[in-house]
């Protein structure tokens, strides 16, 4: 599956860097606060195309964690397999990119684009709250 990212405004990243060690905790809180927004949007877009509830019900987000190349991240994705053994992430990939028999329906791309403003606004609000302590 491809990686999708939000571009956090440079000003916010610069402010985080100034916080030193506290930045790691604040970045995790920002990501954890914003991830449910993306999860909700991915479910909303996926629901339009569901054949069964397996993939839709399996969409989950992780908590923020450190990335091996630096920074923090979280993942929103389908997990597990359906009763026939088909991985739910595989179904999402088929929707997003299509197959030889199915046109691409970029549900992840749409969910990310549609939630970007709210995600970034939530991250900024959490940053402002945390720095204001």
C-alpha atoms as a PDB file:
ATOM      1  CA  UNK A   1       0.000   0.000   0.000  1.00  0.00           C
ATOM      2  CA  UNK A   2       1.211   3.467  -0.746  1.00  0.00           C
ATOM      3  CA  UNK A   3       2.082   5.993   1.911  1.00  0.00           C
ATOM      4  CA  UNK A   4      -0.009   9.114   2.339  1.00  0.00           C
ATOM      5  CA  UNK A   5       1.104  12.134   4.303  1.00  0.00           C
ATOM      6  CA  UNK A   6      -0.148  15.543   5.313  1.00  0.00           C
ATOM      7  CA  UNK A   7       2.217  18.427   4.831  1.00  0.00           C
ATOM      8  CA  UNK A   8       2.378  20.097   8.218  1.00  0.00           C
ATOM      9  CA  UNK A   9       2.952  23.840   7.807  1.00  0.00           C
ATOM     10  CA  UNK A  10       6.619  24.829   8.135  1.00  0.00           C
ATOM     11  CA  UNK A  11       5.775  27.353  10.857  1.00  0.00           C
ATOM     12  CA  UNK A  12       4.299  24.622  13.058  1.00  0.00           C
ATOM     13  CA  UNK A  13       7.291  22.343  12.479  1.00  0.00           C
ATOM     14  CA  UNK A  14       9.668  25.195  13.343  1.00  0.00           C
ATOM     15  CA  UNK A  15       7.785  25.832  16.588  1.00  0.00           C
ATOM     16  CA  UNK A  16       7.906  22.145  17.486  1.00  0.00           C
ATOM     17  CA  UNK A  17      11.661  22.025  16.912  1.00  0.00           C
ATOM     18  CA  UNK A  18      12.140  24.915  19.344  1.00  0.00           C
ATOM     19  CA  UNK A  19      10.543  22.862  22.130  1.00  0.00           C
ATOM     20  CA  UNK A  20      13.385  20.351  22.348  1.00  0.00           C
ATOM     21  CA  UNK A  21      12.546  17.151  24.243  1.00  0.00           C
ATOM     22  CA  UNK A  22       8.937  18.205  24.893  1.00  0.00           C
ATOM     23  CA  UNK A  23       8.323  18.244  21.130  1.00  0.00           C
ATOM     24  CA  UNK A  24       8.173  14.445  20.976  1.00  0.00           C
ATOM     25  CA  UNK A  25       5.340  14.230  23.489  1.00  0.00           C
ATOM     26  CA  UNK A  26       3.462  17.111  21.910  1.00  0.00           C
ATOM     27  CA  UNK A  27       3.858  15.653  18.412  1.00  0.00           C
ATOM     28  CA  UNK A  28       2.426  12.333  19.631  1.00  0.00           C
ATOM     29  CA  UNK A  29      -0.537  14.106  21.224  1.00  0.00           C
ATOM     30  CA  UNK A  30      -1.138  16.083  18.042  1.00  0.00           C
ATOM     31  CA  UNK A  31      -1.128  12.954  15.896  1.00  0.00           C
ATOM     32  CA  UNK A  32      -3.267  10.957  18.333  1.00  0.00           C
ATOM     33  CA  UNK A  33      -5.786  13.808  18.471  1.00  0.00           C
ATOM     34  CA  UNK A  34      -6.050  14.101  14.698  1.00  0.00           C
ATOM     35  CA  UNK A  35      -5.973  10.424  13.687  1.00  0.00           C
ATOM     36  CA  UNK A  36      -9.651   9.763  14.590  1.00  0.00           C
ATOM     37  CA  UNK A  37     -10.659  12.434  12.078  1.00  0.00           C
ATOM     38  CA  UNK A  38      -8.898  10.602   9.258  1.00  0.00           C
ATOM     39  CA  UNK A  39     -10.210   7.230  10.451  1.00  0.00           C
ATOM     40  CA  UNK A  40     -13.775   8.556  10.362  1.00  0.00           C
ATOM     41  CA  UNK A  41     -13.279   9.949   6.845  1.00  0.00           C
ATOM     42  CA  UNK A  42     -11.733   6.698   5.546  1.00  0.00           C
ATOM     43  CA  UNK A  43     -14.734   4.802   6.913  1.00  0.00           C
ATOM     44  CA  UNK A  44     -17.129   7.312   5.364  1.00  0.00           C
ATOM     45  CA  UNK A  45     -15.535   6.915   1.930  1.00  0.00           C
ATOM     46  CA  UNK A  46     -15.194   3.134   2.244  1.00  0.00           C
ATOM     47  CA  UNK A  47     -18.808   2.676   3.279  1.00  0.00           C
ATOM     48  CA  UNK A  48     -19.963   3.931  -0.113  1.00  0.00           C
ATOM     49  CA  UNK A  49     -18.255   0.961  -1.760  1.00  0.00           C
ATOM     50  CA  UNK A  50     -18.725  -1.826   0.726  1.00  0.00           C
ATOM     51  CA  UNK A  51     -19.930  -5.212  -0.380  1.00  0.00           C
ATOM     52  CA  UNK A  52     -19.758  -6.617   3.125  1.00  0.00           C
ATOM     53  CA  UNK A  53     -18.952  -5.096   6.489  1.00  0.00           C
ATOM     54  CA  UNK A  54     -15.637  -6.932   6.861  1.00  0.00           C
ATOM     55  CA  UNK A  55     -13.305  -4.300   5.444  1.00  0.00           C
ATOM     56  CA  UNK A  56     -15.307  -1.352   6.759  1.00  0.00           C
ATOM     57  CA  UNK A  57     -15.415  -2.745  10.298  1.00  0.00           C
ATOM     58  CA  UNK A  58     -11.702  -3.534  10.238  1.00  0.00           C
ATOM     59  CA  UNK A  59     -10.557   0.053   9.591  1.00  0.00           C
ATOM     60  CA  UNK A  60      -8.527   1.075  12.624  1.00  0.00           C
ATOM     61  CA  UNK A  61      -5.908   3.615  13.532  1.00  0.00           C
ATOM     62  CA  UNK A  62      -2.741   3.109  15.507  1.00  0.00           C
ATOM     63  CA  UNK A  63      -1.356   5.359  18.197  1.00  0.00           C
ATOM     64  CA  UNK A  64       1.486   7.668  17.243  1.00  0.00           C
ATOM     65  CA  UNK A  65       4.908   6.129  17.412  1.00  0.00           C
ATOM     66  CA  UNK A  66       8.445   7.060  16.468  1.00  0.00           C
ATOM     67  CA  UNK A  67       9.470   6.546  12.866  1.00  0.00           C
ATOM     68  CA  UNK A  68      12.829   4.909  12.224  1.00  0.00           C
ATOM     69  CA  UNK A  69      13.924   7.844  10.083  1.00  0.00           C
ATOM     70  CA  UNK A  70      12.817  10.421  12.641  1.00  0.00           C
ATOM     71  CA  UNK A  71       9.570  12.065  13.573  1.00  0.00           C
ATOM     72  CA  UNK A  72       6.313  10.396  14.520  1.00  0.00           C
ATOM     73  CA  UNK A  73       3.501   8.753  12.601  1.00  0.00           C
ATOM     74  CA  UNK A  74       0.262   6.829  12.930  1.00  0.00           C
ATOM     75  CA  UNK A  75      -1.524   4.551  10.500  1.00  0.00           C
ATOM     76  CA  UNK A  76      -5.166   4.296   9.465  1.00  0.00           C
ATOM     77  CA  UNK A  77      -5.843   1.063   7.603  1.00  0.00           C
ATOM     78  CA  UNK A  78      -8.042  -2.005   7.326  1.00  0.00           C
ATOM     79  CA  UNK A  79      -6.786  -4.919   9.405  1.00  0.00           C
ATOM     80  CA  UNK A  80      -7.290  -8.671   9.383  1.00  0.00           C
ATOM     81  CA  UNK A  81      -9.066 -10.838   6.829  1.00  0.00           C
ATOM     82  CA  UNK A  82     -12.651 -11.668   5.951  1.00  0.00           C
ATOM     83  CA  UNK A  83     -14.310 -15.054   6.450  1.00  0.00           C
ATOM     84  CA  UNK A  84     -12.919 -16.208   3.069  1.00  0.00           C
ATOM     85  CA  UNK A  85      -9.350 -15.343   4.061  1.00  0.00           C
ATOM     86  CA  UNK A  86      -9.065 -12.242   1.856  1.00  0.00           C
ATOM     87  CA  UNK A  87      -7.054  -9.537   3.598  1.00  0.00           C
ATOM     88  CA  UNK A  88      -9.045  -6.377   4.168  1.00  0.00           C
ATOM     89  CA  UNK A  89      -6.036  -4.248   3.251  1.00  0.00           C
ATOM     90  CA  UNK A  90      -5.961  -6.050  -0.090  1.00  0.00           C
ATOM     91  CA  UNK A  91      -9.573  -5.043  -0.672  1.00  0.00           C
ATOM     92  CA  UNK A  92      -8.687  -1.427   0.113  1.00  0.00           C
ATOM     93  CA  UNK A  93      -5.829  -1.573  -2.393  1.00  0.00           C
ATOM     94  CA  UNK A  94      -8.224  -2.899  -5.041  1.00  0.00           C
ATOM     95  CA  UNK A  95     -10.577   0.003  -4.356  1.00  0.00           C
ATOM     96  CA  UNK A  96      -7.823   2.613  -4.346  1.00  0.00           C
ATOM     97  CA  UNK A  97      -5.877   1.435  -7.385  1.00  0.00           C
ATOM     98  CA  UNK A  98      -8.328  -0.772  -9.268  1.00  0.00           C
ATOM     99  CA  UNK A  99      -7.727  -4.123 -10.924  1.00  0.00           C
ATOM    100  CA  UNK A 100      -7.900  -5.415 -14.465  1.00  0.00           C
ATOM    101  CA  UNK A 101     -11.657  -5.832 -13.906  1.00  0.00           C
ATOM    102  CA  UNK A 102     -12.385  -2.916 -11.601  1.00  0.00           C
ATOM    103  CA  UNK A 103     -11.792   0.795 -12.071  1.00  0.00           C
ATOM    104  CA  UNK A 104      -9.805   2.633  -9.422  1.00  0.00           C
ATOM    105  CA  UNK A 105     -11.870   4.316  -6.731  1.00  0.00           C
ATOM    106  CA  UNK A 106      -9.368   6.345  -4.712  1.00  0.00           C
ATOM    107  CA  UNK A 107     -11.136   6.267  -1.345  1.00  0.00           C
ATOM    108  CA  UNK A 108      -7.944   6.868   0.648  1.00  0.00           C
ATOM    109  CA  UNK A 109      -6.876   9.797  -1.481  1.00  0.00           C
ATOM    110  CA  UNK A 110     -10.333  11.365  -1.182  1.00  0.00           C
ATOM    111  CA  UNK A 111     -10.460  10.763   2.579  1.00  0.00           C
ATOM    112  CA  UNK A 112      -7.063  12.390   3.043  1.00  0.00           C
ATOM    113  CA  UNK A 113      -7.900  15.372   0.873  1.00  0.00           C
ATOM    114  CA  UNK A 114     -11.317  15.860   2.472  1.00  0.00           C
ATOM    115  CA  UNK A 115      -9.991  15.684   6.038  1.00  0.00           C
ATOM    116  CA  UNK A 116      -6.745  17.634   5.623  1.00  0.00           C
ATOM    117  CA  UNK A 117      -8.061  21.001   6.814  1.00  0.00           C
ATOM    118  CA  UNK A 118      -9.719  19.525   9.914  1.00  0.00           C
ATOM    119  CA  UNK A 119      -6.704  17.317  10.716  1.00  0.00           C
ATOM    120  CA  UNK A 120      -4.257  20.224  10.484  1.00  0.00           C
ATOM    121  CA  UNK A 121      -6.604  22.495  12.454  1.00  0.00           C
ATOM    122  CA  UNK A 122      -6.888  19.900  15.213  1.00  0.00           C
ATOM    123  CA  UNK A 123      -3.134  19.434  15.315  1.00  0.00           C
ATOM    124  CA  UNK A 124      -2.635  23.198  15.557  1.00  0.00           C
ATOM    125  CA  UNK A 125      -5.215  23.481  18.362  1.00  0.00           C
ATOM    126  CA  UNK A 126      -3.523  20.708  20.337  1.00  0.00           C
ATOM    127  CA  UNK A 127      -0.148  22.360  19.819  1.00  0.00           C
ATOM    128  CA  UNK A 128      -1.497  25.705  20.983  1.00  0.00           C
ATOM    129  CA  UNK A 129      -3.094  24.108  24.050  1.00  0.00           C
ATOM    130  CA  UNK A 130       0.048  22.169  24.962  1.00  0.00           C
ATOM    131  CA  UNK A 131       2.444  25.069  24.491  1.00  0.00           C
ATOM    132  CA  UNK A 132       0.123  27.364  26.403  1.00  0.00           C
ATOM    133  CA  UNK A 133       0.415  25.180  29.532  1.00  0.00           C
END
